[in-house]
Amino acid sequence: MRAALLALAAMPLMAQQYDIVLANGRVMDPASNLDAVRFVGITGGKIAAISATPLAGRQVVDVKGLVVAPGFIDLHQHRINPENYAFKARDGVTTALEMEVGVFQVAAWYADREGRSEINFGATAGHIPTLMAVMHDTGTFLPHDSAASRVPTDDQHQAALRLLRRGLREGALGIGMGIAYVKETRAQILDVFRLAAESKVPVYVHMRNSGPVEPGAIDSLQEVLADAAATGASLHVVHITSTCLRETPLCLQMIEGARKRGLDVTTEAYPYTAGMTDLASAIFDEGWQTRQGNISYGDLQWAATGERLTAESFARYRKQGGMVAIHSIPEEVARTAMADPMVMIASDGILDEGKGHPRAAGTFARVLGRYVREQHALTLMTALNKMTAMPAARLGLKNKGRLAIGADADITVFDAARVTDRATFDAPAQYSEGIPFVLVNGTFVVKDGKLQTVTPGRGVRR
């Protein structure tokens, strides 16, 4: 396919007719640093031409005044299903991946989504769901009982490692780990890092503890950096701001220092001042208020109703379980992460029947609108790099996250002057605005600002 595309590209451009031409757009490609008005020709789901002169196409879309960028890659999405696909696509996301929690029975998970997805999808072999399976935990998304309260026996630990290996053989993109949600020992965690190193895949880690009080975020980051150094595993630390809170600048210094000394370690953040997780999880075991930066019950917001919690409602809802927003991230911490060119953008999004966190619907538009256009915390090219080329590099994907001949035609077209998020904590299921066109594998999934009834998304595997 690539040889054929290169041969086509060598022909006189106007003598050739492409399936789709995006005409007159401001093409911005962080991988090559291209920032210029260009015509983009698409054939067979691939980018076939990028030209300074007009191209002929069966369908020519004039995108003058709009930015043409690689499709955004979200490394951290939960509930990868039709409800969430729609909000992802309207936020400019062309590939959404379940990398933190990951999945159990990897092959079946991929098969269930083939031919049914508007956008590309993929997942890690999940440490959390695997332990839940071998320990017979009754939780559905996160552990609620046995895996949350007991250290796995050696037999259970070895069984989990075998299942993780099987998931990697089935194409999982790495290993997802939620150390904070289970009771595995440090030695058992090191074993998982060894498996990742042997399999030459990254580990996507929710660290053990959060906040400033030791053992907190610094101790937890030291643990995973040490495990990566000891085993040679590649490490990706998820949602750095909601874990490190006011220690985020120091944590970023630690990661930068490790990178300079040869460790393959990356991180991500979302542009919000609240996290979200299951109230029945181990995150809210005794001492949670201190670990979350000395917050109170009123800093928790029950997703199903939008109400702020009290001691009474906390106890009641904790018994039943459900998603709760944790308003604990200072605005200056969120801005620091958005501005840092080393920190990728990832949503940690989850919506369930319209309830959840606004990050599921508005993460990428919020970065472009609030932090690029309004606050000038970072340049547009830097923001796009954090959304496209950087996550593609973390995944080892050469045909995504870039605008280049032969690359997959995953493309997001937006208006830099008006792109914005609309989702809020009270009304999270609100589409972003200012993103009129989104293509996945050369097919419009958003056209003229409207979702299309198409399913061109494909599984992204190792």
Protein backbone atom coordinates (compact mmCIF):
# COMPACT_ATOMS: atom_id res chain seq x y z
CA MET A 1 0.00 0.00 0.00
CA ARG A 2 2.75 2.47 0.94
CA ALA A 3 4.69 1.80 -2.29
CA ALA A 4 1.53 2.39 -4.32
CA LEU A 5 0.84 5.65 -2.51
CA LEU A 6 4.38 6.85 -3.05
CA ALA A 7 4.08 6.02 -6.75
CA LEU A 8 0.82 7.96 -6.93
CA ALA A 9 2.42 10.87 -5.13
CA ALA A 10 5.15 11.02 -7.77
CA MET A 11 2.55 11.64 -10.53
CA PRO A 12 1.60 15.20 -11.52
CA LEU A 13 -0.74 16.24 -8.75
CA MET A 14 -3.52 17.81 -10.82
CA ALA A 15 -3.57 14.79 -13.15
CA GLN A 16 -4.71 12.63 -10.28
CA GLN A 17 -8.06 12.57 -8.58
CA TYR A 18 -8.12 11.82 -4.84
CA ASP A 19 -11.05 10.45 -2.89
CA ILE A 20 -11.11 13.53 -0.66
CA VAL A 21 -9.22 16.81 -0.79
CA LEU A 22 -9.03 19.18 2.16
CA ALA A 23 -8.32 22.47 0.44
CA ASN A 24 -6.71 25.71 1.63
CA GLY A 25 -6.35 24.71 5.30
CA ARG A 26 -3.58 25.68 7.69
CA VAL A 27 -1.83 22.33 7.90
CA MET A 28 -0.03 21.86 11.23
CA ASP A 29 2.02 18.71 11.73
CA PRO A 30 4.11 18.65 14.93
CA ALA A 31 6.09 15.60 13.75
CA SER A 32 7.60 17.59 10.86
CA ASN A 33 6.96 21.10 12.22
CA LEU A 34 5.00 21.96 9.08
CA ASP A 35 2.77 25.02 9.52
CA ALA A 36 1.55 26.31 6.18
CA VAL A 37 -1.45 26.52 3.88
CA ARG A 38 -1.67 23.23 2.02
CA PHE A 39 -3.98 20.90 0.11
CA VAL A 40 -4.28 17.40 1.55
CA GLY A 41 -5.23 14.53 -0.75
CA ILE A 42 -6.69 11.33 0.71
CA THR A 43 -7.04 8.01 -1.09
CA GLY A 44 -7.90 4.58 0.28
CA GLY A 45 -7.96 5.80 3.87
CA LYS A 46 -4.40 7.11 3.65
CA ILE A 47 -2.85 10.53 3.14
CA ALA A 48 -1.67 10.45 -0.48
CA ALA A 49 -0.55 14.04 -1.05
CA ILE A 50 0.26 17.25 0.81
CA SER A 51 0.63 20.01 -1.75
CA ALA A 52 1.18 23.74 -1.90
CA THR A 53 -0.91 23.79 -5.10
CA PRO A 54 -4.50 22.70 -5.66
CA LEU A 55 -5.46 19.04 -5.95
CA ALA A 56 -8.38 17.40 -7.72
CA GLY A 57 -10.74 15.19 -5.75
CA ARG A 58 -14.06 13.38 -5.99
CA GLN A 59 -14.95 15.37 -2.87
CA VAL A 60 -13.23 18.71 -2.26
CA VAL A 61 -13.85 20.40 1.09
CA ASP A 62 -12.72 23.99 1.44
CA VAL A 63 -11.28 24.41 4.94
CA LYS A 64 -9.80 27.86 4.44
CA GLY A 65 -9.17 29.57 7.77
CA LEU A 66 -9.24 26.28 9.67
CA VAL A 67 -6.40 24.24 11.17
CA VAL A 68 -5.83 20.80 9.66
CA ALA A 69 -4.09 18.63 12.26
CA PRO A 70 -3.40 14.97 12.90
CA GLY A 71 -6.32 13.31 14.69
CA PHE A 72 -6.00 13.54 18.45
CA ILE A 73 -4.94 10.38 20.31
CA ASP A 74 -6.39 9.88 23.78
CA LEU A 75 -4.23 7.47 25.79
CA HIS A 76 -6.65 7.38 28.71
CA GLN A 77 -10.32 6.74 28.06
CA HIS A 78 -12.68 4.42 29.91
CA ARG A 79 -15.94 2.84 28.72
CA ILE A 80 -14.85 2.72 25.08
CA ASN A 81 -18.37 2.28 23.70
CA PRO A 82 -20.78 4.03 21.29
CA GLU A 83 -21.89 6.66 23.81
CA ASN A 84 -18.31 7.71 24.46
CA TYR A 85 -17.22 7.41 20.79
CA ALA A 86 -19.58 10.23 19.86
CA PHE A 87 -18.21 12.66 22.44
CA LYS A 88 -14.63 11.71 21.56
CA ALA A 89 -15.20 12.35 17.86
CA ARG A 90 -16.82 15.74 18.50
CA ASP A 91 -13.76 16.61 20.64
CA GLY A 92 -11.44 15.83 17.72
CA VAL A 93 -10.28 12.43 18.98
CA THR A 94 -9.69 9.81 16.28
CA THR A 95 -8.10 7.15 18.52
CA ALA A 96 -9.23 6.45 22.11
CA LEU A 97 -7.38 3.88 24.21
CA GLU A 98 -8.02 2.16 27.55
CA MET A 99 -4.47 2.15 28.89
CA GLU A 100 -4.70 2.69 32.67
CA VAL A 101 -7.25 0.10 33.81
CA GLY A 102 -6.88 -1.97 30.66
CA VAL A 103 -8.99 -5.00 29.88
CA PHE A 104 -9.31 -8.68 30.67
CA GLN A 105 -9.80 -11.15 27.78
CA VAL A 106 -8.12 -8.88 25.27
CA ALA A 107 -9.01 -10.74 22.07
CA ALA A 108 -12.71 -10.75 22.92
CA TRP A 109 -12.62 -7.05 23.81
CA TYR A 110 -11.18 -6.14 20.40
CA ALA A 111 -13.54 -8.48 18.54
CA ASP A 112 -16.56 -6.87 20.21
CA ARG A 113 -15.62 -3.47 18.75
CA GLU A 114 -14.51 -4.39 15.24
CA GLY A 115 -16.77 -2.79 12.66
CA ARG A 116 -18.81 -1.01 15.35
CA SER A 117 -16.68 2.01 16.21
CA GLU A 118 -16.65 5.55 14.84
CA ILE A 119 -13.05 5.97 16.02
CA ASN A 120 -9.99 3.77 16.48
CA PHE A 121 -9.72 1.82 19.72
CA GLY A 122 -7.24 -0.23 21.71
CA ALA A 123 -6.28 -1.31 25.20
CA THR A 124 -3.64 -2.69 27.49
CA ALA A 125 -3.74 -6.02 29.26
CA GLY A 126 -5.22 -4.85 32.53
CA HIS A 127 -3.57 -5.57 35.85
CA ILE A 128 -6.73 -4.49 37.72
CA PRO A 129 -9.34 -6.57 35.86
CA THR A 130 -7.00 -9.56 35.75
CA LEU A 131 -6.55 -9.51 39.53
CA MET A 132 -10.30 -9.03 39.96
CA ALA A 133 -10.86 -12.16 37.87
CA VAL A 134 -8.37 -14.40 39.67
CA MET A 135 -9.44 -13.13 43.12
CA HIS A 136 -13.18 -13.26 42.32
CA ASP A 137 -13.77 -9.61 43.18
CA THR A 138 -17.40 -8.57 42.72
CA GLY A 139 -16.63 -5.10 41.33
CA THR A 140 -17.46 -4.34 37.71
CA PHE A 141 -15.03 -1.56 36.74
CA LEU A 142 -12.77 -1.27 39.80
CA PRO A 143 -12.25 -3.65 42.77
CA HIS A 144 -14.83 -3.46 45.54
CA ASP A 145 -13.88 -6.28 47.90
CA SER A 146 -11.34 -9.14 47.64
CA ALA A 147 -8.87 -7.50 45.24
CA ALA A 148 -9.20 -4.19 47.09
CA SER A 149 -8.65 -5.60 50.58
CA ARG A 150 -6.34 -8.63 50.36
CA VAL A 151 -2.81 -9.24 49.13
CA PRO A 152 -2.93 -11.84 46.34
CA THR A 153 -1.53 -15.23 47.23
CA ASP A 154 1.48 -16.37 45.27
CA ASP A 155 -0.75 -18.65 43.19
CA GLN A 156 -3.11 -15.78 42.41
CA HIS A 157 -0.20 -13.49 41.55
CA GLN A 158 1.31 -16.07 39.17
CA ALA A 159 -2.09 -16.69 37.57
CA ALA A 160 -2.45 -12.97 36.97
CA LEU A 161 0.98 -12.81 35.32
CA ARG A 162 0.04 -15.68 33.00
CA LEU A 163 -3.16 -13.90 31.99
CA LEU A 164 -1.27 -10.66 31.35
CA ARG A 165 1.13 -12.58 29.08
CA ARG A 166 -1.82 -14.03 27.20
CA GLY A 167 -3.30 -10.54 26.74
CA LEU A 168 -0.02 -9.29 25.31
CA ARG A 169 0.06 -12.20 22.85
CA GLU A 170 -3.45 -11.20 21.78
CA GLY A 171 -2.25 -7.73 20.79
CA ALA A 172 -2.62 -5.59 23.91
CA LEU A 173 -0.70 -2.32 23.69
CA GLY A 174 1.10 -2.76 27.00
CA ILE A 175 0.21 -3.43 30.62
CA GLY A 176 -2.19 -1.19 32.53
CA MET A 177 -1.63 -0.97 36.27
CA GLY A 178 -3.69 0.53 39.07
CA ILE A 179 -1.44 0.12 42.09
CA ALA A 180 -3.68 2.40 44.18
CA TYR A 181 -6.70 0.13 43.72
CA VAL A 182 -5.21 -3.23 44.76
CA LYS A 183 -3.09 -4.62 47.59
CA GLU A 184 -0.20 -6.19 45.69
CA THR A 185 3.16 -5.94 47.44
CA ARG A 186 6.09 -3.97 46.10
CA ALA A 187 7.76 -7.25 45.10
CA GLN A 188 4.66 -8.30 43.16
CA ILE A 189 4.54 -4.93 41.40
CA LEU A 190 8.19 -5.35 40.45
CA ASP A 191 7.28 -8.70 38.85
CA VAL A 192 4.79 -6.93 36.59
CA PHE A 193 7.47 -4.45 35.54
CA ARG A 194 9.74 -7.41 34.75
CA LEU A 195 7.04 -8.87 32.52
CA ALA A 196 6.67 -5.56 30.70
CA ALA A 197 10.42 -5.33 30.15
CA GLU A 198 10.63 -8.92 28.88
CA SER A 199 7.72 -8.28 26.52
CA LYS A 200 9.12 -4.91 25.43
CA VAL A 201 5.90 -3.03 26.22
CA PRO A 202 5.23 0.05 28.36
CA VAL A 203 3.54 -0.04 31.76
CA TYR A 204 0.77 2.57 32.17
CA VAL A 205 0.60 3.18 35.92
CA HIS A 206 -1.79 4.75 38.39
CA MET A 207 0.65 5.15 41.27
CA ARG A 208 0.22 3.76 44.78
CA ASN A 209 -0.46 6.94 46.79
CA SER A 210 -1.27 10.58 46.14
CA GLY A 211 -0.83 13.90 47.85
CA PRO A 212 1.91 15.54 49.92
CA VAL A 213 1.82 13.45 53.13
CA GLU A 214 4.28 10.54 53.05
CA PRO A 215 3.95 7.90 51.92
CA GLY A 216 2.42 10.01 49.18
CA ALA A 217 3.03 11.00 45.60
CA ILE A 218 6.79 11.43 45.89
CA ASP A 219 7.29 8.01 47.47
CA SER A 220 4.99 6.47 44.85
CA LEU A 221 6.81 8.08 41.95
CA GLN A 222 10.13 6.94 43.40
CA GLU A 223 8.76 3.38 43.53
CA VAL A 224 7.79 3.20 39.85
CA LEU A 225 10.92 5.03 38.67
CA ALA A 226 13.03 2.55 40.63
CA ASP A 227 11.08 -0.40 39.19
CA ALA A 228 11.59 0.95 35.68
CA ALA A 229 15.30 1.46 36.27
CA ALA A 230 15.71 -1.99 37.86
CA THR A 231 13.91 -3.86 35.06
CA GLY A 232 14.40 -1.70 31.98
CA ALA A 233 10.64 -1.36 31.51
CA SER A 234 9.15 1.66 29.76
CA LEU A 235 6.97 3.66 32.14
CA HIS A 236 4.02 5.97 31.59
CA VAL A 237 2.61 7.71 34.68
CA VAL A 238 -1.07 8.53 34.27
CA HIS A 239 -2.86 11.75 35.37
CA ILE A 240 0.15 13.32 37.08
CA THR A 241 -1.81 16.29 38.47
CA SER A 242 -4.55 14.36 40.28
CA THR A 243 -1.95 12.10 41.90
CA CYS A 244 0.75 14.62 42.74
CA LEU A 245 -1.53 17.62 43.39
CA ARG A 246 0.65 20.50 44.72
CA GLU A 247 3.70 18.25 44.41
CA THR A 248 3.23 18.18 40.62
CA PRO A 249 6.13 20.57 39.83
CA LEU A 250 8.52 18.41 41.89
CA CYS A 251 7.19 15.21 40.31
CA LEU A 252 7.72 16.68 36.86
CA GLN A 253 11.30 17.56 37.82
CA MET A 254 11.84 13.95 38.89
CA ILE A 255 10.47 12.61 35.60
CA GLU A 256 12.53 15.06 33.56
CA GLY A 257 15.65 14.08 35.46
CA ALA A 258 14.97 10.37 34.91
CA ARG A 259 14.48 10.99 31.18
CA LYS A 260 17.76 12.89 30.94
CA ARG A 261 19.50 9.90 32.50
CA GLY A 262 18.14 7.45 29.98
CA LEU A 263 14.89 6.13 31.50
CA ASP A 264 11.99 5.76 29.09
CA VAL A 265 9.36 7.51 31.18
CA THR A 266 6.46 9.71 30.08
CA THR A 267 3.39 11.24 31.68
CA GLU A 268 0.03 12.85 30.96
CA ALA A 269 -2.59 15.18 32.45
CA TYR A 270 -6.07 16.52 31.77
CA PRO A 271 -7.07 20.22 31.86
CA TYR A 272 -9.42 20.11 34.86
CA THR A 273 -9.27 20.81 38.58
CA ALA A 274 -11.07 17.62 39.61
CA GLY A 275 -10.47 13.92 39.19
CA MET A 276 -13.05 11.14 39.29
CA THR A 277 -13.18 7.56 40.47
CA ASP A 278 -15.44 4.98 42.13
CA LEU A 279 -16.42 5.96 45.67
CA ALA A 280 -16.40 2.28 46.70
CA SER A 281 -12.75 1.84 45.67
CA ALA A 282 -9.66 1.69 47.87
CA ILE A 283 -8.94 5.33 47.03
CA PHE A 284 -11.43 6.24 49.79
CA ASP A 285 -10.09 3.96 52.50
CA GLU A 286 -9.31 5.58 55.85
CA GLY A 287 -7.15 8.68 55.49
CA TRP A 288 -8.45 9.62 52.04
CA GLN A 289 -8.99 13.28 52.93
CA THR A 290 -5.31 13.75 53.76
CA ARG A 291 -4.13 11.77 50.74
CA GLN A 292 -6.28 13.92 48.47
CA GLY A 293 -4.71 17.15 49.69
CA ASN A 294 -6.69 17.78 52.87
CA ILE A 295 -10.08 18.07 51.21
CA SER A 296 -13.52 17.70 52.81
CA TYR A 297 -16.69 15.78 52.03
CA GLY A 298 -18.00 18.87 50.25
CA ASP A 299 -15.16 18.60 47.70
CA LEU A 300 -16.72 15.36 46.44
CA GLN A 301 -19.47 15.56 43.81
CA TRP A 302 -21.71 12.54 43.17
CA ALA A 303 -21.83 12.09 39.38
CA ALA A 304 -25.33 10.64 39.22
CA THR A 305 -26.99 13.71 40.76
CA GLY A 306 -24.36 16.46 40.81
CA GLU A 307 -24.78 16.88 44.58
CA ARG A 308 -21.88 17.72 46.88
CA LEU A 309 -21.44 15.08 49.57
CA THR A 310 -21.74 15.20 53.35
CA ALA A 311 -20.47 12.68 55.88
CA GLU A 312 -23.88 11.00 55.78
CA SER A 313 -24.21 10.81 51.99
CA PHE A 314 -20.55 9.74 51.68
CA ALA A 315 -21.21 6.71 53.91
CA ARG A 316 -24.41 5.84 52.07
CA TYR A 317 -23.03 6.13 48.55
CA ARG A 318 -19.79 4.38 49.44
CA LYS A 319 -21.74 1.24 50.27
CA GLN A 320 -23.38 1.15 46.84
CA GLY A 321 -20.45 2.43 44.79
CA GLY A 322 -20.50 4.88 41.90
CA MET A 323 -18.49 7.63 40.28
CA VAL A 324 -17.58 10.75 42.23
CA ALA A 325 -15.68 13.87 41.17
CA ILE A 326 -12.84 14.87 43.49
CA HIS A 327 -12.30 18.65 43.44
CA SER A 328 -8.71 18.66 44.65
CA ILE A 329 -6.41 19.93 41.86
CA PRO A 330 -5.37 23.60 42.19
CA GLU A 331 -5.85 25.61 38.99
CA GLU A 332 -2.18 26.62 38.95
CA VAL A 333 -1.21 22.95 39.03
CA ALA A 334 -3.45 22.16 36.04
CA ARG A 335 -1.99 25.11 34.16
CA THR A 336 1.58 24.03 34.96
CA ALA A 337 0.93 20.60 33.47
CA MET A 338 -0.77 22.01 30.39
CA ALA A 339 2.16 24.35 29.77
CA ASP A 340 4.86 21.70 30.23
CA PRO A 341 5.86 20.41 26.76
CA MET A 342 6.78 17.02 28.27
CA VAL A 343 3.23 16.30 29.53
CA MET A 344 0.85 14.65 27.06
CA ILE A 345 -2.87 15.44 27.00
CA ALA A 346 -5.11 12.53 28.00
CA SER A 347 -8.68 12.71 29.24
CA ASP A 348 -9.16 9.85 31.74
CA GLY A 349 -12.70 10.22 30.44
CA ILE A 350 -15.76 8.20 31.35
CA LEU A 351 -19.44 8.83 30.66
CA ASP A 352 -22.28 6.47 31.51
CA GLU A 353 -25.75 7.45 30.26
CA GLY A 354 -24.71 11.07 30.17
CA LYS A 355 -23.31 11.07 33.70
CA GLY A 356 -19.62 11.44 34.54
CA HIS A 357 -16.81 13.94 34.18
CA PRO A 358 -16.67 16.75 31.59
CA ARG A 359 -13.18 15.57 30.59
CA ALA A 360 -14.84 12.71 28.65
CA ALA A 361 -16.37 15.22 26.25
CA GLY A 362 -14.24 18.35 26.36
CA THR A 363 -10.58 17.67 27.18
CA PHE A 364 -8.97 18.49 23.84
CA ALA A 365 -11.14 21.46 22.96
CA ARG A 366 -10.56 22.84 26.46
CA VAL A 367 -6.80 22.76 26.01
CA LEU A 368 -7.06 24.51 22.63
CA GLY A 369 -9.58 27.09 23.81
CA ARG A 370 -8.73 27.82 27.42
CA TYR A 371 -5.01 27.19 27.68
CA VAL A 372 -3.82 28.03 24.15
CA ARG A 373 -6.14 30.79 22.91
CA GLU A 374 -7.27 32.44 26.13
CA GLN A 375 -4.42 32.01 28.58
CA HIS A 376 -1.47 31.63 26.17
CA ALA A 377 -0.04 28.99 28.50
CA LEU A 378 1.42 27.15 25.50
CA THR A 379 1.61 27.54 21.75
CA LEU A 380 -0.81 25.86 19.39
CA MET A 381 1.94 23.69 17.90
CA THR A 382 3.09 22.57 21.36
CA ALA A 383 -0.48 21.66 22.28
CA LEU A 384 -0.95 19.66 19.09
CA ASN A 385 2.32 17.85 19.69
CA LYS A 386 1.07 16.78 23.14
CA MET A 387 -2.15 15.45 21.53
CA THR A 388 -0.73 13.72 18.44
CA ALA A 389 2.95 13.03 17.81
CA MET A 390 3.88 12.42 21.44
CA PRO A 391 1.21 9.78 22.18
CA ALA A 392 1.91 8.15 18.81
CA ALA A 393 5.58 7.91 19.75
CA ARG A 394 4.70 6.44 23.16
CA LEU A 395 2.68 3.78 21.36
CA GLY A 396 5.28 3.16 18.67
CA LEU A 397 2.76 4.05 15.93
CA LYS A 398 4.40 5.40 12.78
CA ASN A 399 1.21 5.88 10.75
CA LYS A 400 -0.79 7.86 13.30
CA GLY A 401 -0.29 11.20 15.00
CA ARG A 402 1.20 12.81 11.91
CA LEU A 403 0.30 14.31 8.54
CA ALA A 404 2.58 12.62 6.05
CA ILE A 405 2.23 10.70 2.82
CA GLY A 406 1.36 7.11 3.64
CA ALA A 407 0.04 7.91 7.14
CA ASP A 408 -3.48 6.93 8.14
CA ALA A 409 -5.96 9.64 7.25
CA ASP A 410 -6.95 10.35 10.85
CA ILE A 411 -7.41 14.10 10.66
CA THR A 412 -9.02 16.78 12.85
CA VAL A 413 -10.03 20.14 11.37
CA PHE A 414 -10.83 22.93 13.83
CA ASP A 415 -11.30 26.67 14.11
CA ALA A 416 -8.53 27.95 16.38
CA ALA A 417 -10.50 31.18 16.98
CA ARG A 418 -13.56 29.49 18.43
CA VAL A 419 -12.83 25.90 19.45
CA THR A 420 -14.09 25.41 22.99
CA ASP A 421 -15.47 22.87 25.43
CA ARG A 422 -19.08 23.00 26.61
CA ALA A 423 -19.13 20.10 29.06
CA THR A 424 -19.40 20.99 32.76
CA PHE A 425 -19.53 19.02 36.00
CA ASP A 426 -23.27 19.66 36.23
CA ALA A 427 -23.87 18.86 32.54
CA PRO A 428 -20.94 16.73 31.30
CA ALA A 429 -22.61 15.30 28.18
CA GLN A 430 -22.12 18.41 26.03
CA TYR A 431 -20.34 18.34 22.68
CA SER A 432 -17.32 20.54 22.06
CA GLU A 433 -17.65 23.29 19.48
CA GLY A 434 -15.41 24.62 16.73
CA ILE A 435 -14.38 21.22 15.34
CA PRO A 436 -16.35 20.94 12.07
CA PHE A 437 -14.54 18.00 10.45
CA VAL A 438 -13.02 14.80 11.79
CA LEU A 439 -11.83 11.95 9.58
CA VAL A 440 -10.98 8.43 10.73
CA ASN A 441 -9.17 6.23 8.22
CA GLY A 442 -10.23 8.59 5.45
CA THR A 443 -13.94 8.65 6.36
CA PHE A 444 -15.75 11.67 7.78
CA VAL A 445 -17.09 10.84 11.24
CA VAL A 446 -17.86 14.52 11.83
CA LYS A 447 -18.84 16.67 8.86
CA ASP A 448 -19.99 20.27 9.04
CA GLY A 449 -20.08 19.86 12.81
CA LYS A 450 -22.45 16.89 12.71
CA LEU A 451 -21.81 13.25 13.60
CA GLN A 452 -22.08 10.86 10.69
CA THR A 453 -23.58 7.36 10.87
CA VAL A 454 -20.38 5.51 10.00
CA THR A 455 -18.03 3.10 11.79
CA PRO A 456 -14.57 3.32 10.19
CA GLY A 457 -12.68 2.85 13.48
CA ARG A 458 -10.17 0.02 13.66
CA GLY A 459 -8.43 -1.78 16.48
CA VAL A 460 -4.95 -0.54 17.32
CA ARG A 461 -2.82 -3.49 18.40
CA ARG A 462 0.77 -4.09 19.34
